[in-house]
Protein backbone atom coordinates (compact mmCIF):
# COMPACT_ATOMS: atom_id res chain seq x y z
CA MET A 1 -25.39 -17.98 25.25
CA LEU A 2 -28.22 -16.83 23.09
CA ILE A 3 -30.78 -18.49 25.17
CA GLY A 4 -29.30 -17.25 28.40
CA ALA A 5 -29.15 -13.57 27.04
CA MET A 6 -32.66 -13.73 25.94
CA ARG A 7 -33.78 -15.13 29.35
CA LEU A 8 -31.90 -12.40 31.22
CA LYS A 9 -32.88 -9.76 28.89
CA ILE A 10 -29.31 -8.65 28.28
CA PRO A 11 -27.72 -7.93 24.88
CA LEU A 12 -25.41 -10.68 23.27
CA LEU A 13 -22.40 -9.40 21.52
CA ILE A 14 -20.40 -11.83 19.45
CA GLY A 15 -17.36 -11.08 17.55
CA PRO A 16 -15.21 -11.33 15.75
CA VAL A 17 -17.14 -14.07 14.01
CA GLY A 18 -15.68 -17.11 12.19
CA THR A 19 -12.27 -16.04 13.33
CA ALA A 20 -11.22 -13.72 10.42
CA GLY A 21 -14.59 -11.85 10.42
CA GLY A 22 -15.20 -11.62 6.52
CA ASP A 23 -18.58 -11.43 5.02
CA VAL A 24 -18.61 -15.19 4.34
CA HIS A 25 -17.84 -15.80 8.07
CA LEU A 26 -20.54 -13.35 9.17
CA ALA A 27 -23.10 -15.08 6.98
CA TRP A 28 -22.11 -18.57 8.39
CA CYS A 29 -22.49 -17.50 11.98
CA CYS A 30 -25.68 -15.67 11.20
CA ASP A 31 -27.06 -18.89 9.74
CA ILE A 32 -26.08 -20.74 12.85
CA LEU A 33 -27.69 -18.20 15.13
CA LYS A 34 -31.01 -18.15 13.07
CA GLU A 35 -31.02 -22.00 13.21
CA ILE A 36 -30.64 -21.91 17.09
CA ALA A 37 -33.29 -19.17 17.30
CA THR A 38 -35.73 -21.12 15.11
CA ALA A 39 -35.21 -24.34 17.17
CA ASP A 40 -35.88 -22.58 20.37
CA ASN A 41 -38.50 -20.36 19.07
CA LEU A 42 -36.54 -17.04 19.95
CA ALA A 43 -37.27 -13.57 18.47
CA PHE A 44 -34.86 -10.63 18.72
CA LYS A 45 -33.59 -7.69 17.07
CA LEU A 46 -30.28 -8.58 15.32
CA ALA A 47 -27.47 -6.44 14.11
CA LEU A 48 -24.92 -7.57 11.79
CA ILE A 49 -21.65 -5.46 11.60
CA HIS A 50 -19.57 -6.03 8.42
CA ALA A 51 -15.82 -5.66 8.36
CA GLU A 52 -14.94 -6.85 4.85
CA GLN A 53 -13.67 -3.89 2.72
CA ASP A 54 -14.53 -3.28 -0.91
CA LYS A 55 -11.23 -3.62 -3.10
CA ALA A 56 -12.06 -0.69 -5.38
CA TYR A 57 -12.55 1.62 -2.26
CA LEU A 58 -9.25 0.40 -0.79
CA LYS A 59 -7.35 0.95 -4.10
CA LYS A 60 -8.92 4.49 -4.27
CA ARG A 61 -7.79 5.30 -0.67
CA LEU A 62 -4.37 3.66 -1.40
CA ALA A 63 -3.95 6.05 -4.44
CA GLU A 64 -4.89 9.05 -2.25
CA GLY A 65 -2.00 7.99 0.27
CA ARG A 66 -4.53 7.19 2.95
CA ILE A 67 -3.27 3.57 3.31
CA LYS A 68 0.33 2.84 4.46
CA PRO A 69 1.81 -0.31 5.82
CA LEU A 70 3.00 -0.20 9.36
CA ASN A 71 6.82 -0.69 9.72
CA PRO A 72 8.30 -3.48 9.13
CA ALA A 73 5.38 -4.68 6.98
CA PRO A 74 6.20 -5.41 3.34
CA GLU A 75 5.18 -3.21 0.55
CA PHE A 76 1.44 -2.60 0.29
CA ASN A 77 0.20 -1.92 -3.25
CA ALA A 78 -2.82 -2.41 -5.66
CA ALA A 79 -1.39 -5.76 -6.50
CA VAL A 80 -1.56 -7.04 -3.12
CA ILE A 81 -5.32 -5.89 -2.81
CA ASP A 82 -6.08 -7.67 -6.13
CA ARG A 83 -4.59 -11.01 -4.92
CA SER A 84 -6.26 -10.90 -1.51
CA GLU A 85 -9.21 -13.20 -0.96
CA ARG A 86 -10.67 -10.78 1.32
CA ILE A 87 -9.67 -7.84 3.42
CA VAL A 88 -11.26 -6.88 6.70
CA GLY A 89 -11.00 -3.65 8.64
CA MET A 90 -10.41 -3.81 12.38
CA MET A 91 -13.23 -2.05 14.22
CA GLY A 92 -13.27 -0.47 17.64
CA ALA A 93 -16.15 0.26 19.95
CA GLU A 94 -18.06 2.63 17.85
CA PRO A 95 -19.89 0.26 15.48
CA TRP A 96 -21.03 -1.80 18.73
CA LYS A 97 -22.27 1.32 20.39
CA ARG A 98 -24.37 2.28 17.36
CA ALA A 99 -25.79 -1.16 17.20
CA LEU A 100 -26.71 -1.14 20.97
CA ASP A 101 -28.17 2.46 20.52
CA ALA A 102 -30.30 1.13 17.61
CA GLY A 103 -31.87 -1.35 19.90
CA ALA A 104 -29.98 -4.57 18.92
CA GLU A 105 -30.50 -7.43 21.43
CA VAL A 106 -27.95 -9.65 19.48
CA ILE A 107 -24.98 -8.39 17.57
CA LEU A 108 -22.77 -10.36 15.31
CA ALA A 109 -19.60 -8.49 14.06
CA GLY A 110 -16.90 -9.25 11.62
CA ARG A 111 -13.27 -8.32 12.52
CA SER A 112 -13.09 -6.49 15.66
CA SER A 113 -10.87 -5.67 18.81
CA ASP A 114 -11.91 -8.16 21.22
CA THR A 115 -11.59 -5.58 23.94
CA ALA A 116 -13.98 -3.17 21.97
CA ILE A 117 -16.91 -5.72 22.79
CA PHE A 118 -16.38 -5.16 26.53
CA ALA A 119 -15.61 -1.42 26.14
CA ALA A 120 -18.72 -0.39 24.12
CA LEU A 121 -21.37 -0.63 26.99
CA PRO A 122 -19.31 0.98 29.69
CA GLU A 123 -18.48 3.87 27.43
CA MET A 124 -22.04 4.30 26.71
CA ARG A 125 -22.95 4.43 30.23
CA GLY A 126 -20.59 7.24 30.95
CA PHE A 127 -17.35 5.66 32.25
CA PRO A 128 -14.25 7.48 31.06
CA SER A 129 -12.76 5.82 28.07
CA GLY A 130 -9.45 4.94 29.67
CA MET A 131 -11.14 3.26 32.59
CA ALA A 132 -13.57 1.44 30.31
CA TRP A 133 -10.90 0.00 27.88
CA HIS A 134 -8.70 -0.79 30.88
CA ALA A 135 -11.50 -2.96 32.47
CA ALA A 136 -12.35 -4.27 29.11
CA LYS A 137 -8.89 -5.64 28.60
CA ILE A 138 -8.93 -7.29 32.15
CA LEU A 139 -12.38 -8.83 31.15
CA GLU A 140 -11.03 -9.95 27.79
CA CYS A 141 -7.82 -11.50 28.86
CA GLY A 142 -7.06 -11.33 32.42
CA ALA A 143 -10.22 -12.56 33.97
CA VAL A 144 -11.49 -15.14 31.75
CA ARG A 145 -11.42 -17.66 34.50
CA ALA A 146 -13.31 -15.57 37.07
CA ASP A 147 -16.97 -15.07 37.80
CA PHE A 148 -18.03 -12.33 35.20
CA ARG A 149 -20.67 -10.83 37.48
CA TYR A 150 -18.02 -10.28 40.31
CA HIS A 151 -15.84 -8.43 37.64
CA VAL A 152 -18.67 -6.21 36.67
CA ARG A 153 -19.26 -5.23 40.26
CA ARG A 154 -15.62 -4.58 40.62
CA CYS A 155 -15.50 -2.44 37.54
CA ARG A 156 -18.53 -0.41 38.69
CA ASN A 157 -16.53 0.21 42.00
CA LEU A 158 -13.30 0.98 40.22
CA ARG A 159 -14.30 4.69 39.66
CA ALA A 160 -15.05 5.44 43.35
CA ARG A 161 -12.53 3.09 45.16
CA LYS A 162 -9.85 1.98 42.66
CA THR A 163 -10.60 -1.66 43.64
CA LEU A 164 -9.65 -4.43 41.13
CA GLY A 165 -10.29 -8.05 41.11
CA ARG A 166 -7.96 -10.85 40.03
CA SER A 167 -8.50 -14.61 39.32
CA GLU A 168 -7.48 -17.09 41.91
CA PRO A 169 -6.43 -20.63 40.69
CA ARG A 170 -9.82 -22.09 41.52
CA GLY A 171 -11.56 -19.27 39.57
CA ASP A 172 -12.70 -17.16 42.50
CA CYS A 173 -11.75 -13.39 42.66
CA ILE A 174 -10.28 -11.57 45.60
CA ALA A 175 -10.12 -7.85 45.94
CA LEU A 176 -6.97 -5.90 45.57
CA ARG A 177 -6.27 -2.37 46.26
CA ALA A 178 -4.92 -0.42 43.29
CA ALA A 179 -2.58 2.47 43.73
CA GLY A 180 -3.24 5.76 41.97
CA GLY A 181 -4.89 9.09 42.30
């Protein structure tokens, strides 16, 4: 992916790294990325987006009533924070967009919504958020077997014609008309 992104001069967004997305996972994947870049003599602007949370900060926010477990999660208190190996925060598209705005060519991120990776650039290019996130969800889960370039064209046309693509068993896409106003 790295070599292809550099050759095509397109940004490479990878996350959540190392599955859990903690700092140790981010460092491990960054080491692998640097090893590949060195071996292939690649140079690029790299952004690392950390997701691991500081325990003291979390305890402060908990004491302020700013952290609450979602029902039906068990009780969440300072003892849970203390005994946790690491705690990562889930990020949306905003950190991805900031990294792209700063000129990053390759982005490695800790714990992130998988869909946020695909929604960031369309939102930056002016697509309405609902449309960007809907198309991103299709790209993230529904169209992994399809030709990505085809889906990008379909998503670009979505605004004007409300046309979607879906995967066929052999991996091709066919156009479908979507109802709606």
